[in-house]
């Protein structure tokens, strides 16, 4: 029986390469890599100019996969993403021209500037890895990874993502402003070449191999019960009108296994679940105050989830 290769050197190099492009934000890079390894998708929400697109492009280049970038605008149509059939006069038939979604990595830049109709064009692709066009069901390349960026909902010209779209993202992240010493260096140096120089650390087959190794990471019964209780606690909290779904729990389990692999472990620990829960569940729950038209910030949602899970006993 062949022994699976040790993933730690490859993952260490992958993390180092991406951190080199987004200096001073190792936690954000780690979370993005966890979602990638767990076959999830990432939504990065922050103000313009803090490195959302830089992180997206650095990840795409480092994993050596085909990347397409779509700038979402208010006039963008679903066909601009999925593709369209065009009549070929020479052949006398319609020919399908595939859209940018047919790539390993789709960078959806400022996704909440597009209309809800265009946003919904990603639902089937993100959930099932396929696209329905002109009566055909077309599989997407494997691996398939969406990394989307969005501006805060109170910015002019944005359309808030509906709950069903948010649920397709494994994690919602925030980058934040760089540390002072990093920002000083950015003012003194030209960082454009830094992104162009990112070498591919993986290829599609190598990434799929790592994703399969994530599935083999073990989670014992006590941790599975803890994870179930964490998800269940969000459904029995007065501060939340809608708790996390079973699909959210499955996403959290996959993310916990991916974190274990990233830290060179073949098994999960309670910290994997505890640390990832706010990033995986906060955008999937609904605060009770939202029923009155109040729009909570990302921080409020995450802090509420942290408070809920703090009451759940951690297995020893």
C-alpha atoms as a PDB file:
ATOM      1  CA  UNK A   1       0.000   0.000   0.000  1.00  0.00           C
ATOM      2  CA  UNK A   2       1.457   3.341  -1.065  1.00  0.00           C
ATOM      3  CA  UNK A   3       2.079   5.871   1.697  1.00  0.00           C
ATOM      4  CA  UNK A   4       0.637   9.347   1.090  1.00  0.00           C
ATOM      5  CA  UNK A   5       3.332  12.025   0.821  1.00  0.00           C
ATOM      6  CA  UNK A   6       3.853  14.327   3.776  1.00  0.00           C
ATOM      7  CA  UNK A   7       1.926  17.519   2.928  1.00  0.00           C
ATOM      8  CA  UNK A   8       3.690  19.738   5.459  1.00  0.00           C
ATOM      9  CA  UNK A   9       6.602  21.032   3.289  1.00  0.00           C
ATOM     10  CA  UNK A  10       4.265  21.883   0.419  1.00  0.00           C
ATOM     11  CA  UNK A  11       1.731  23.582   2.674  1.00  0.00           C
ATOM     12  CA  UNK A  12       4.447  25.496   4.512  1.00  0.00           C
ATOM     13  CA  UNK A  13       5.788  26.833   1.219  1.00  0.00           C
ATOM     14  CA  UNK A  14       2.296  27.623  -0.040  1.00  0.00           C
ATOM     15  CA  UNK A  15       1.522  29.610   3.098  1.00  0.00           C
ATOM     16  CA  UNK A  16       4.865  31.423   2.915  1.00  0.00           C
ATOM     17  CA  UNK A  17       4.347  32.445  -0.725  1.00  0.00           C
ATOM     18  CA  UNK A  18       0.863  33.856  -0.128  1.00  0.00           C
ATOM     19  CA  UNK A  19       1.934  35.620   3.084  1.00  0.00           C
ATOM     20  CA  UNK A  20       4.689  37.273   1.070  1.00  0.00           C
ATOM     21  CA  UNK A  21       2.051  38.926  -1.093  1.00  0.00           C
ATOM     22  CA  UNK A  22      -0.181  39.917   1.843  1.00  0.00           C
ATOM     23  CA  UNK A  23       2.412  40.780   4.433  1.00  0.00           C
ATOM     24  CA  UNK A  24       1.383  41.176   8.045  1.00  0.00           C
ATOM     25  CA  UNK A  25      -1.833  39.121   7.764  1.00  0.00           C
ATOM     26  CA  UNK A  26      -0.902  35.486   8.530  1.00  0.00           C
ATOM     27  CA  UNK A  27      -4.268  34.718  10.164  1.00  0.00           C
ATOM     28  CA  UNK A  28      -6.206  35.780   7.072  1.00  0.00           C
ATOM     29  CA  UNK A  29      -3.935  33.739   4.807  1.00  0.00           C
ATOM     30  CA  UNK A  30      -4.366  30.674   7.014  1.00  0.00           C
ATOM     31  CA  UNK A  31      -8.162  30.938   6.938  1.00  0.00           C
ATOM     32  CA  UNK A  32      -8.212  31.341   3.157  1.00  0.00           C
ATOM     33  CA  UNK A  33      -5.980  28.272   2.735  1.00  0.00           C
ATOM     34  CA  UNK A  34      -8.217  26.273   5.065  1.00  0.00           C
ATOM     35  CA  UNK A  35     -11.245  27.040   2.901  1.00  0.00           C
ATOM     36  CA  UNK A  36      -9.300  26.124  -0.244  1.00  0.00           C
ATOM     37  CA  UNK A  37      -8.191  22.762   1.179  1.00  0.00           C
ATOM     38  CA  UNK A  38     -11.723  22.044   2.438  1.00  0.00           C
ATOM     39  CA  UNK A  39     -13.228  22.625  -1.041  1.00  0.00           C
ATOM     40  CA  UNK A  40     -15.017  25.714   0.210  1.00  0.00           C
ATOM     41  CA  UNK A  41     -15.379  29.233  -1.138  1.00  0.00           C
ATOM     42  CA  UNK A  42     -14.300  32.498   0.485  1.00  0.00           C
ATOM     43  CA  UNK A  43     -15.966  35.896   0.779  1.00  0.00           C
ATOM     44  CA  UNK A  44     -13.660  38.751   1.786  1.00  0.00           C
ATOM     45  CA  UNK A  45     -15.542  41.783   3.090  1.00  0.00           C
ATOM     46  CA  UNK A  46     -13.686  45.014   3.711  1.00  0.00           C
ATOM     47  CA  UNK A  47     -13.219  48.606   2.601  1.00  0.00           C
ATOM     48  CA  UNK A  48     -11.466  49.214  -0.740  1.00  0.00           C
ATOM     49  CA  UNK A  49      -7.694  49.239  -0.911  1.00  0.00           C
ATOM     50  CA  UNK A  50      -6.704  46.895   1.923  1.00  0.00           C
ATOM     51  CA  UNK A  51      -5.610  43.937  -0.213  1.00  0.00           C
ATOM     52  CA  UNK A  52      -8.739  41.893  -0.966  1.00  0.00           C
ATOM     53  CA  UNK A  53      -7.903  41.420  -4.641  1.00  0.00           C
ATOM     54  CA  UNK A  54      -4.214  40.966  -3.830  1.00  0.00           C
ATOM     55  CA  UNK A  55      -5.031  37.983  -1.624  1.00  0.00           C
ATOM     56  CA  UNK A  56      -7.334  36.515  -4.266  1.00  0.00           C
ATOM     57  CA  UNK A  57      -4.743  36.797  -7.026  1.00  0.00           C
ATOM     58  CA  UNK A  58      -1.908  35.548  -4.821  1.00  0.00           C
ATOM     59  CA  UNK A  59      -3.873  32.414  -3.939  1.00  0.00           C
ATOM     60  CA  UNK A  60      -4.761  31.747  -7.559  1.00  0.00           C
ATOM     61  CA  UNK A  61      -1.172  32.111  -8.738  1.00  0.00           C
ATOM     62  CA  UNK A  62       0.294  30.060  -5.891  1.00  0.00           C
ATOM     63  CA  UNK A  63      -1.893  27.010  -6.551  1.00  0.00           C
ATOM     64  CA  UNK A  64      -0.948  27.025 -10.228  1.00  0.00           C
ATOM     65  CA  UNK A  65      -4.513  26.789 -11.503  1.00  0.00           C
ATOM     66  CA  UNK A  66      -6.312  28.583 -14.300  1.00  0.00           C
ATOM     67  CA  UNK A  67      -7.738  31.826 -12.943  1.00  0.00           C
ATOM     68  CA  UNK A  68     -10.397  34.133 -14.332  1.00  0.00           C
ATOM     69  CA  UNK A  69     -11.316  37.463 -12.798  1.00  0.00           C
ATOM     70  CA  UNK A  70     -14.703  39.137 -13.177  1.00  0.00           C
ATOM     71  CA  UNK A  71     -15.289  42.726 -12.116  1.00  0.00           C
ATOM     72  CA  UNK A  72     -18.871  42.759 -10.857  1.00  0.00           C
ATOM     73  CA  UNK A  73     -20.819  45.885 -11.813  1.00  0.00           C
ATOM     74  CA  UNK A  74     -24.464  46.880 -11.775  1.00  0.00           C
ATOM     75  CA  UNK A  75     -24.863  46.146 -15.504  1.00  0.00           C
ATOM     76  CA  UNK A  76     -23.192  42.711 -15.424  1.00  0.00           C
ATOM     77  CA  UNK A  77     -25.471  39.931 -16.736  1.00  0.00           C
ATOM     78  CA  UNK A  78     -25.525  36.220 -15.794  1.00  0.00           C
ATOM     79  CA  UNK A  79     -24.440  35.369 -19.341  1.00  0.00           C
ATOM     80  CA  UNK A  80     -21.302  37.466 -18.809  1.00  0.00           C
ATOM     81  CA  UNK A  81     -20.291  34.930 -16.158  1.00  0.00           C
ATOM     82  CA  UNK A  82     -21.758  31.641 -17.356  1.00  0.00           C
ATOM     83  CA  UNK A  83     -21.529  32.026 -21.122  1.00  0.00           C
ATOM     84  CA  UNK A  84     -23.880  32.314 -24.073  1.00  0.00           C
ATOM     85  CA  UNK A  85     -24.793  30.468 -27.271  1.00  0.00           C
ATOM     86  CA  UNK A  86     -23.859  32.345 -30.441  1.00  0.00           C
ATOM     87  CA  UNK A  87     -25.076  31.447 -33.930  1.00  0.00           C
ATOM     88  CA  UNK A  88     -22.244  30.340 -36.194  1.00  0.00           C
ATOM     89  CA  UNK A  89     -23.182  31.231 -39.777  1.00  0.00           C
ATOM     90  CA  UNK A  90     -20.548  28.931 -41.284  1.00  0.00           C
ATOM     91  CA  UNK A  91     -21.720  25.876 -39.339  1.00  0.00           C
ATOM     92  CA  UNK A  92     -25.368  26.926 -39.351  1.00  0.00           C
ATOM     93  CA  UNK A  93     -25.728  26.119 -35.691  1.00  0.00           C
ATOM     94  CA  UNK A  94     -25.465  27.679 -32.267  1.00  0.00           C
ATOM     95  CA  UNK A  95     -22.075  27.351 -30.562  1.00  0.00           C
ATOM     96  CA  UNK A  96     -21.634  27.690 -26.825  1.00  0.00           C
ATOM     97  CA  UNK A  97     -19.117  30.303 -25.795  1.00  0.00           C
ATOM     98  CA  UNK A  98     -18.191  29.472 -22.219  1.00  0.00           C
ATOM     99  CA  UNK A  99     -17.908  32.291 -19.705  1.00  0.00           C
ATOM    100  CA  UNK A 100     -15.143  32.962 -17.177  1.00  0.00           C
ATOM    101  CA  UNK A 101     -16.729  30.649 -14.615  1.00  0.00           C
ATOM    102  CA  UNK A 102     -15.159  27.722 -16.479  1.00  0.00           C
ATOM    103  CA  UNK A 103     -11.856  28.018 -14.652  1.00  0.00           C
ATOM    104  CA  UNK A 104     -10.295  26.502 -11.556  1.00  0.00           C
ATOM    105  CA  UNK A 105     -10.329  29.811  -9.686  1.00  0.00           C
ATOM    106  CA  UNK A 106     -12.937  32.501 -10.185  1.00  0.00           C
ATOM    107  CA  UNK A 107     -12.093  35.843  -8.603  1.00  0.00           C
ATOM    108  CA  UNK A 108     -15.421  37.647  -8.214  1.00  0.00           C
ATOM    109  CA  UNK A 109     -14.340  41.210  -7.518  1.00  0.00           C
ATOM    110  CA  UNK A 110     -16.829  43.441  -5.636  1.00  0.00           C
ATOM    111  CA  UNK A 111     -19.569  40.845  -5.963  1.00  0.00           C
ATOM    112  CA  UNK A 112     -22.150  42.957  -4.147  1.00  0.00           C
ATOM    113  CA  UNK A 113     -22.040  45.677  -6.805  1.00  0.00           C
ATOM    114  CA  UNK A 114     -23.921  43.341  -9.173  1.00  0.00           C
ATOM    115  CA  UNK A 115     -27.689  42.857  -9.100  1.00  0.00           C
ATOM    116  CA  UNK A 116     -29.213  39.935  -7.171  1.00  0.00           C
ATOM    117  CA  UNK A 117     -30.066  38.256 -10.479  1.00  0.00           C
ATOM    118  CA  UNK A 118     -26.404  38.217 -11.489  1.00  0.00           C
ATOM    119  CA  UNK A 119     -25.263  37.166  -8.022  1.00  0.00           C
ATOM    120  CA  UNK A 120     -27.581  34.157  -8.210  1.00  0.00           C
ATOM    121  CA  UNK A 121     -25.804  32.943 -11.359  1.00  0.00           C
ATOM    122  CA  UNK A 122     -23.102  31.552  -9.044  1.00  0.00           C
ATOM    123  CA  UNK A 123     -25.398  29.446  -6.844  1.00  0.00           C
ATOM    124  CA  UNK A 124     -25.423  26.193  -8.822  1.00  0.00           C
ATOM    125  CA  UNK A 125     -21.730  26.457  -9.644  1.00  0.00           C
ATOM    126  CA  UNK A 126     -20.661  26.991  -6.030  1.00  0.00           C
ATOM    127  CA  UNK A 127     -22.906  24.304  -4.604  1.00  0.00           C
ATOM    128  CA  UNK A 128     -22.735  21.549  -7.221  1.00  0.00           C
ATOM    129  CA  UNK A 129     -19.688  22.320  -9.366  1.00  0.00           C
ATOM    130  CA  UNK A 130     -21.747  22.545 -12.516  1.00  0.00           C
ATOM    131  CA  UNK A 131     -23.582  25.045 -14.701  1.00  0.00           C
ATOM    132  CA  UNK A 132     -26.906  24.706 -16.551  1.00  0.00           C
ATOM    133  CA  UNK A 133     -26.866  26.439 -19.923  1.00  0.00           C
ATOM    134  CA  UNK A 134     -29.358  26.113 -22.796  1.00  0.00           C
ATOM    135  CA  UNK A 135     -30.747  22.856 -21.470  1.00  0.00           C
ATOM    136  CA  UNK A 136     -27.294  21.368 -20.878  1.00  0.00           C
ATOM    137  CA  UNK A 137     -25.612  20.578 -17.579  1.00  0.00           C
ATOM    138  CA  UNK A 138     -21.909  21.296 -17.905  1.00  0.00           C
ATOM    139  CA  UNK A 139     -19.364  20.267 -15.249  1.00  0.00           C
ATOM    140  CA  UNK A 140     -16.860  22.851 -14.076  1.00  0.00           C
ATOM    141  CA  UNK A 141     -13.120  22.173 -13.941  1.00  0.00           C
ATOM    142  CA  UNK A 142     -11.770  20.518 -10.824  1.00  0.00           C
ATOM    143  CA  UNK A 143     -10.764  21.880  -8.444  1.00  0.00           C
ATOM    144  CA  UNK A 144     -13.199  24.808  -8.501  1.00  0.00           C
ATOM    145  CA  UNK A 145     -12.723  27.674  -6.065  1.00  0.00           C
ATOM    146  CA  UNK A 146     -14.547  30.999  -5.820  1.00  0.00           C
ATOM    147  CA  UNK A 147     -12.889  33.802  -3.915  1.00  0.00           C
ATOM    148  CA  UNK A 148     -15.141  36.844  -3.871  1.00  0.00           C
ATOM    149  CA  UNK A 149     -14.598  40.317  -2.511  1.00  0.00           C
ATOM    150  CA  UNK A 150     -17.244  42.770  -1.420  1.00  0.00           C
ATOM    151  CA  UNK A 151     -17.464  46.271  -0.011  1.00  0.00           C
ATOM    152  CA  UNK A 152     -19.402  46.894   3.221  1.00  0.00           C
ATOM    153  CA  UNK A 153     -23.164  46.899   2.634  1.00  0.00           C
ATOM    154  CA  UNK A 154     -23.535  50.543   3.598  1.00  0.00           C
ATOM    155  CA  UNK A 155     -21.315  51.656   0.690  1.00  0.00           C
ATOM    156  CA  UNK A 156     -23.030  53.398  -2.229  1.00  0.00           C
ATOM    157  CA  UNK A 157     -23.948  51.159  -5.174  1.00  0.00           C
ATOM    158  CA  UNK A 158     -24.035  47.831  -3.358  1.00  0.00           C
ATOM    159  CA  UNK A 159     -26.688  45.091  -3.280  1.00  0.00           C
ATOM    160  CA  UNK A 160     -26.542  43.003  -0.075  1.00  0.00           C
ATOM    161  CA  UNK A 161     -25.986  39.309  -0.749  1.00  0.00           C
ATOM    162  CA  UNK A 162     -29.088  37.257   0.152  1.00  0.00           C
ATOM    163  CA  UNK A 163     -28.828  34.539   2.781  1.00  0.00           C
ATOM    164  CA  UNK A 164     -28.931  31.760   0.195  1.00  0.00           C
ATOM    165  CA  UNK A 165     -25.882  33.238  -1.557  1.00  0.00           C
ATOM    166  CA  UNK A 166     -23.982  33.829   1.692  1.00  0.00           C
ATOM    167  CA  UNK A 167     -24.591  30.200   2.628  1.00  0.00           C
ATOM    168  CA  UNK A 168     -22.536  29.082  -0.394  1.00  0.00           C
ATOM    169  CA  UNK A 169     -19.401  30.639   1.101  1.00  0.00           C
ATOM    170  CA  UNK A 170     -17.574  28.501   3.632  1.00  0.00           C
ATOM    171  CA  UNK A 171     -16.023  31.566   5.269  1.00  0.00           C
ATOM    172  CA  UNK A 172     -16.445  35.301   5.423  1.00  0.00           C
ATOM    173  CA  UNK A 173     -13.185  37.072   6.198  1.00  0.00           C
ATOM    174  CA  UNK A 174     -11.919  40.575   6.844  1.00  0.00           C
ATOM    175  CA  UNK A 175      -8.375  41.718   6.094  1.00  0.00           C
ATOM    176  CA  UNK A 176      -8.194  45.024   7.949  1.00  0.00           C
ATOM    177  CA  UNK A 177      -5.538  47.694   7.695  1.00  0.00           C
ATOM    178  CA  UNK A 178      -1.880  46.593   7.573  1.00  0.00           C
ATOM    179  CA  UNK A 179       0.415  46.872  10.593  1.00  0.00           C
ATOM    180  CA  UNK A 180       2.290  50.227  10.746  1.00  0.00           C
ATOM    181  CA  UNK A 181       5.663  48.746   9.768  1.00  0.00           C
ATOM    182  CA  UNK A 182       4.153  46.995   6.735  1.00  0.00           C
ATOM    183  CA  UNK A 183       2.337  50.122   5.611  1.00  0.00           C
ATOM    184  CA  UNK A 184       5.560  52.130   5.939  1.00  0.00           C
ATOM    185  CA  UNK A 185       7.383  49.659   3.722  1.00  0.00           C
ATOM    186  CA  UNK A 186       4.532  49.799   1.197  1.00  0.00           C
ATOM    187  CA  UNK A 187       4.960  53.568   0.985  1.00  0.00           C
ATOM    188  CA  UNK A 188       8.689  53.242   0.388  1.00  0.00           C
ATOM    189  CA  UNK A 189       8.708  50.333  -2.075  1.00  0.00           C
ATOM    190  CA  UNK A 190       6.919  49.288  -5.251  1.00  0.00           C
ATOM    191  CA  UNK A 191       4.813  46.211  -4.473  1.00  0.00           C
ATOM    192  CA  UNK A 192       3.519  45.577  -7.989  1.00  0.00           C
ATOM    193  CA  UNK A 193       6.353  43.213  -8.893  1.00  0.00           C
ATOM    194  CA  UNK A 194       5.831  41.256  -5.658  1.00  0.00           C
ATOM    195  CA  UNK A 195       2.503  39.873  -6.896  1.00  0.00           C
ATOM    196  CA  UNK A 196       3.770  39.133 -10.412  1.00  0.00           C
ATOM    197  CA  UNK A 197       6.704  37.153  -9.009  1.00  0.00           C
ATOM    198  CA  UNK A 198       4.579  34.636  -7.063  1.00  0.00           C
ATOM    199  CA  UNK A 199       5.648  31.149  -8.204  1.00  0.00           C
ATOM    200  CA  UNK A 200       3.168  28.268  -8.562  1.00  0.00           C
ATOM    201  CA  UNK A 201       3.622  25.940  -5.604  1.00  0.00           C
ATOM    202  CA  UNK A 202       0.937  23.458  -6.664  1.00  0.00           C
ATOM    203  CA  UNK A 203      -0.890  22.316  -9.772  1.00  0.00           C
ATOM    204  CA  UNK A 204      -4.537  21.161 -10.038  1.00  0.00           C
ATOM    205  CA  UNK A 205      -3.688  17.488  -9.433  1.00  0.00           C
ATOM    206  CA  UNK A 206      -1.531  18.280  -6.392  1.00  0.00           C
ATOM    207  CA  UNK A 207      -4.259  20.471  -4.923  1.00  0.00           C
ATOM    208  CA  UNK A 208      -6.854  17.730  -5.413  1.00  0.00           C
ATOM    209  CA  UNK A 209      -4.520  15.287  -3.668  1.00  0.00           C
ATOM    210  CA  UNK A 210      -4.286  17.599  -0.656  1.00  0.00           C
ATOM    211  CA  UNK A 211      -8.061  18.015  -0.636  1.00  0.00           C
ATOM    212  CA  UNK A 212      -8.453  14.235  -0.527  1.00  0.00           C
ATOM    213  CA  UNK A 213      -6.040  14.074   2.402  1.00  0.00           C
ATOM    214  CA  UNK A 214      -8.296  16.503   4.269  1.00  0.00           C
ATOM    215  CA  UNK A 215     -11.114  13.959   4.005  1.00  0.00           C
ATOM    216  CA  UNK A 216      -8.920  11.375   5.743  1.00  0.00           C
ATOM    217  CA  UNK A 217      -8.295  13.558   8.823  1.00  0.00           C
ATOM    218  CA  UNK A 218     -10.088  11.959  11.764  1.00  0.00           C
ATOM    219  CA  UNK A 219     -12.561  13.530  14.182  1.00  0.00           C
ATOM    220  CA  UNK A 220     -13.409  11.432  17.219  1.00  0.00           C
ATOM    221  CA  UNK A 221     -16.886  10.992  18.649  1.00  0.00           C
ATOM    222  CA  UNK A 222     -16.456  13.517  21.463  1.00  0.00           C
ATOM    223  CA  UNK A 223     -15.408  16.267  19.045  1.00  0.00           C
ATOM    224  CA  UNK A 224     -18.252  15.438  16.664  1.00  0.00           C
ATOM    225  CA  UNK A 225     -20.692  15.794  19.565  1.00  0.00           C
ATOM    226  CA  UNK A 226     -19.069  19.121  20.514  1.00  0.00           C
ATOM    227  CA  UNK A 227     -19.412  20.388  16.943  1.00  0.00           C
ATOM    228  CA  UNK A 228     -23.053  19.309  16.834  1.00  0.00           C
ATOM    229  CA  UNK A 229     -23.729  21.080  20.139  1.00  0.00           C
ATOM    230  CA  UNK A 230     -22.043  24.266  18.875  1.00  0.00           C
ATOM    231  CA  UNK A 231     -24.272  24.335  15.807  1.00  0.00           C
ATOM    232  CA  UNK A 232     -27.349  23.451  17.871  1.00  0.00           C
ATOM    233  CA  UNK A 233     -26.610  26.255  20.357  1.00  0.00           C
ATOM    234  CA  UNK A 234     -27.094  28.856  17.607  1.00  0.00           C
ATOM    235  CA  UNK A 235     -30.646  27.561  17.138  1.00  0.00           C
ATOM    236  CA  UNK A 236     -31.540  28.010  20.799  1.00  0.00           C
ATOM    237  CA  UNK A 237     -30.290  31.528  21.418  1.00  0.00           C
ATOM    238  CA  UNK A 238     -32.550  34.536  22.008  1.00  0.00           C
ATOM    239  CA  UNK A 239     -30.074  36.815  20.205  1.00  0.00           C
ATOM    240  CA  UNK A 240     -30.448  34.803  16.985  1.00  0.00           C
ATOM    241  CA  UNK A 241     -33.669  34.436  15.034  1.00  0.00           C
ATOM    242  CA  UNK A 242     -32.159  31.928  12.584  1.00  0.00           C
ATOM    243  CA  UNK A 243     -29.500  29.451  13.652  1.00  0.00           C
ATOM    244  CA  UNK A 244     -26.932  27.526  11.652  1.00  0.00           C
ATOM    245  CA  UNK A 245     -28.146  24.826   9.278  1.00  0.00           C
ATOM    246  CA  UNK A 246     -26.867  21.227   9.013  1.00  0.00           C
ATOM    247  CA  UNK A 247     -24.947  22.328   5.906  1.00  0.00           C
ATOM    248  CA  UNK A 248     -23.172  24.940   8.046  1.00  0.00           C
ATOM    249  CA  UNK A 249     -22.174  22.188  10.463  1.00  0.00           C
ATOM    250  CA  UNK A 250     -20.792  20.083   7.615  1.00  0.00           C
ATOM    251  CA  UNK A 251     -18.789  23.086   6.397  1.00  0.00           C
ATOM    252  CA  UNK A 252     -17.396  23.599   9.901  1.00  0.00           C
ATOM    253  CA  UNK A 253     -16.345  19.944  10.105  1.00  0.00           C
ATOM    254  CA  UNK A 254     -14.579  20.150   6.741  1.00  0.00           C
ATOM    255  CA  UNK A 255     -12.831  23.368   7.748  1.00  0.00           C
ATOM    256  CA  UNK A 256     -11.694  21.819  11.055  1.00  0.00           C
ATOM    257  CA  UNK A 257     -10.161  18.874   9.194  1.00  0.00           C
ATOM    258  CA  UNK A 258      -8.414  21.245   6.785  1.00  0.00           C
ATOM    259  CA  UNK A 259      -6.942  23.250   9.675  1.00  0.00           C
ATOM    260  CA  UNK A 260      -5.624  20.052  11.194  1.00  0.00           C
ATOM    261  CA  UNK A 261      -3.895  19.119   7.920  1.00  0.00           C
ATOM    262  CA  UNK A 262      -2.479  22.626   7.564  1.00  0.00           C
ATOM    263  CA  UNK A 263      -0.943  22.205  11.012  1.00  0.00           C
ATOM    264  CA  UNK A 264       0.436  18.787  10.063  1.00  0.00           C
ATOM    265  CA  UNK A 265      -2.002  16.770  12.163  1.00  0.00           C
ATOM    266  CA  UNK A 266      -4.010  13.746  11.084  1.00  0.00           C
ATOM    267  CA  UNK A 267      -6.697  14.394  13.680  1.00  0.00           C
ATOM    268  CA  UNK A 268      -8.883  17.304  14.822  1.00  0.00           C
ATOM    269  CA  UNK A 269      -8.749  19.015  18.204  1.00  0.00           C
ATOM    270  CA  UNK A 270     -11.282  21.257  19.951  1.00  0.00           C
ATOM    271  CA  UNK A 271      -9.356  24.401  18.964  1.00  0.00           C
ATOM    272  CA  UNK A 272      -9.950  23.618  15.283  1.00  0.00           C
ATOM    273  CA  UNK A 273     -13.681  23.921  15.854  1.00  0.00           C
ATOM    274  CA  UNK A 274     -13.596  26.710  18.416  1.00  0.00           C
ATOM    275  CA  UNK A 275     -11.376  29.068  16.387  1.00  0.00           C
ATOM    276  CA  UNK A 276     -13.129  28.513  13.058  1.00  0.00           C
ATOM    277  CA  UNK A 277     -16.733  28.716  14.240  1.00  0.00           C
ATOM    278  CA  UNK A 278     -17.154  32.539  14.025  1.00  0.00           C
ATOM    279  CA  UNK A 279     -15.736  32.633  10.486  1.00  0.00           C
ATOM    280  CA  UNK A 280     -17.861  29.720   9.261  1.00  0.00           C
ATOM    281  CA  UNK A 281     -21.167  30.372  11.055  1.00  0.00           C
ATOM    282  CA  UNK A 282     -21.499  34.141  11.599  1.00  0.00           C
ATOM    283  CA  UNK A 283     -22.609  34.934   8.033  1.00  0.00           C
ATOM    284  CA  UNK A 284     -25.065  32.021   8.078  1.00  0.00           C
ATOM    285  CA  UNK A 285     -27.063  33.054  11.153  1.00  0.00           C
ATOM    286  CA  UNK A 286     -29.537  35.892  11.495  1.00  0.00           C
ATOM    287  CA  UNK A 287     -29.553  38.207  14.493  1.00  0.00           C
ATOM    288  CA  UNK A 288     -32.911  38.801  16.157  1.00  0.00           C
ATOM    289  CA  UNK A 289     -32.434  42.568  15.742  1.00  0.00           C
ATOM    290  CA  UNK A 290     -32.535  42.131  11.955  1.00  0.00           C
ATOM    291  CA  UNK A 291     -36.272  41.484  12.149  1.00  0.00           C
ATOM    292  CA  UNK A 292     -36.666  45.180  12.964  1.00  0.00           C
ATOM    293  CA  UNK A 293     -34.674  46.284   9.931  1.00  0.00           C
ATOM    294  CA  UNK A 294     -31.348  46.619  11.749  1.00  0.00           C
ATOM    295  CA  UNK A 295     -28.292  45.584   9.729  1.00  0.00           C
ATOM    296  CA  UNK A 296     -25.600  44.250  12.058  1.00  0.00           C
ATOM    297  CA  UNK A 297     -21.924  44.522  11.197  1.00  0.00           C
ATOM    298  CA  UNK A 298     -19.739  41.515  10.577  1.00  0.00           C
ATOM    299  CA  UNK A 299     -18.114  42.066  13.985  1.00  0.00           C
ATOM    300  CA  UNK A 300     -21.480  42.018  15.781  1.00  0.00           C
ATOM    301  CA  UNK A 301     -22.462  38.746  14.149  1.00  0.00           C
ATOM    302  CA  UNK A 302     -19.113  37.113  14.942  1.00  0.00           C
ATOM    303  CA  UNK A 303     -19.131  38.336  18.547  1.00  0.00           C
ATOM    304  CA  UNK A 304     -22.654  36.977  19.031  1.00  0.00           C
ATOM    305  CA  UNK A 305     -21.567  33.579  17.723  1.00  0.00           C
ATOM    306  CA  UNK A 306     -18.504  33.646  20.007  1.00  0.00           C
ATOM    307  CA  UNK A 307     -20.742  34.374  22.990  1.00  0.00           C
ATOM    308  CA  UNK A 308     -23.045  31.496  22.057  1.00  0.00           C
ATOM    309  CA  UNK A 309     -20.263  28.920  21.682  1.00  0.00           C
ATOM    310  CA  UNK A 310     -18.571  30.067  24.897  1.00  0.00           C
ATOM    311  CA  UNK A 311     -21.437  28.408  26.769  1.00  0.00           C
ATOM    312  CA  UNK A 312     -20.919  25.031  25.104  1.00  0.00           C
ATOM    313  CA  UNK A 313     -18.764  22.664  27.220  1.00  0.00           C
ATOM    314  CA  UNK A 314     -15.485  21.786  25.517  1.00  0.00           C
ATOM    315  CA  UNK A 315     -14.569  18.080  25.605  1.00  0.00           C
ATOM    316  CA  UNK A 316     -11.509  17.249  27.674  1.00  0.00           C
END
